[in-house]
Amino acid sequence: MQPVFETERLRLRPFELTDARTVQELAGDIAVARTTLSSPIPTRSKRQSSG
């Protein structure tokens, strides 16, 4: 089991499968991608491009 670090304003924990949708949405947000050095350029998800 990996450690969880908590303060009054922050909680760091390992990723969980339930985080996948949120991570996908954040990775597709250009404003988030611009401030994340290791993020690839956002692409549209299948859900977004089919509409």
C-alpha atoms as a PDB file:
ATOM      1  CA  MET A   1       0.000   0.000   0.000  1.00  0.00           C
ATOM      2  CA  GLN A   2       1.281   3.450  -0.931  1.00  0.00           C
ATOM      3  CA  PRO A   3       1.242   6.295   1.584  1.00  0.00           C
ATOM      4  CA  VAL A   4      -1.301   9.094   1.582  1.00  0.00           C
ATOM      5  CA  PHE A   5      -0.087  12.560   2.547  1.00  0.00           C
ATOM      6  CA  GLU A   6      -2.585  15.052   3.928  1.00  0.00           C
ATOM      7  CA  THR A   7      -2.560  18.652   5.057  1.00  0.00           C
ATOM      8  CA  GLU A   8      -5.445  21.009   5.772  1.00  0.00           C
ATOM      9  CA  ARG A   9      -5.634  22.012   2.096  1.00  0.00           C
ATOM     10  CA  LEU A  10      -4.177  19.072   0.167  1.00  0.00           C
ATOM     11  CA  ARG A  11      -4.492  15.308  -0.060  1.00  0.00           C
ATOM     12  CA  LEU A  12      -1.973  13.342  -2.154  1.00  0.00           C
ATOM     13  CA  ARG A  13      -2.797   9.718  -2.838  1.00  0.00           C
ATOM     14  CA  PRO A  14      -2.120   7.152  -5.564  1.00  0.00           C
ATOM     15  CA  PHE A  15      -4.357   7.216  -8.634  1.00  0.00           C
ATOM     16  CA  GLU A  16      -7.392   4.959  -8.583  1.00  0.00           C
ATOM     17  CA  LEU A  17      -9.401   3.578 -11.494  1.00  0.00           C
ATOM     18  CA  THR A  18     -12.265   5.861 -10.496  1.00  0.00           C
ATOM     19  CA  ASP A  19      -9.998   8.860 -11.242  1.00  0.00           C
ATOM     20  CA  ALA A  20      -9.818   8.012 -14.965  1.00  0.00           C
ATOM     21  CA  ARG A  21     -12.721  10.168 -16.168  1.00  0.00           C
ATOM     22  CA  THR A  22     -11.529  13.237 -14.250  1.00  0.00           C
ATOM     23  CA  VAL A  23      -7.951  12.772 -15.483  1.00  0.00           C
ATOM     24  CA  GLN A  24      -9.217  12.495 -19.071  1.00  0.00           C
ATOM     25  CA  GLU A  25     -11.240  15.695 -18.721  1.00  0.00           C
ATOM     26  CA  LEU A  26      -8.337  17.611 -17.157  1.00  0.00           C
ATOM     27  CA  ALA A  27      -5.858  16.313 -19.747  1.00  0.00           C
ATOM     28  CA  GLY A  28      -8.154  17.581 -22.491  1.00  0.00           C
ATOM     29  CA  ASP A  29      -8.331  21.079 -21.009  1.00  0.00           C
ATOM     30  CA  ILE A  30      -5.854  23.348 -22.790  1.00  0.00           C
ATOM     31  CA  ALA A  31      -5.593  25.657 -19.747  1.00  0.00           C
ATOM     32  CA  VAL A  32      -4.479  22.701 -17.613  1.00  0.00           C
ATOM     33  CA  ALA A  33      -2.139  21.353 -20.305  1.00  0.00           C
ATOM     34  CA  ARG A  34      -0.373  24.713 -20.609  1.00  0.00           C
ATOM     35  CA  THR A  35       0.611  24.565 -16.930  1.00  0.00           C
ATOM     36  CA  THR A  36       1.595  20.892 -16.873  1.00  0.00           C
ATOM     37  CA  LEU A  37       5.055  20.289 -18.327  1.00  0.00           C
ATOM     38  CA  SER A  38       4.676  16.542 -18.841  1.00  0.00           C
ATOM     39  CA  SER A  39       1.178  16.649 -20.352  1.00  0.00           C
ATOM     40  CA  PRO A  40       0.860  15.862 -24.052  1.00  0.00           C
ATOM     41  CA  ILE A  41      -1.047  18.290 -26.238  1.00  0.00           C
ATOM     42  CA  PRO A  42      -4.744  17.712 -25.519  1.00  0.00           C
ATOM     43  CA  THR A  43      -6.801  15.790 -28.021  1.00  0.00           C
ATOM     44  CA  ARG A  44     -10.528  15.371 -28.193  1.00  0.00           C
ATOM     45  CA  SER A  45     -11.929  12.209 -26.674  1.00  0.00           C
ATOM     46  CA  LYS A  46     -14.111   9.912 -28.796  1.00  0.00           C
ATOM     47  CA  ARG A  47     -17.116  11.162 -26.824  1.00  0.00           C
ATOM     48  CA  GLN A  48     -16.365  14.802 -27.672  1.00  0.00           C
ATOM     49  CA  SER A  49     -15.467  14.257 -31.337  1.00  0.00           C
ATOM     50  CA  SER A  50     -18.586  12.194 -32.115  1.00  0.00           C
ATOM     51  CA  GLY A  51     -20.993  15.026 -31.121  1.00  0.00           C
END
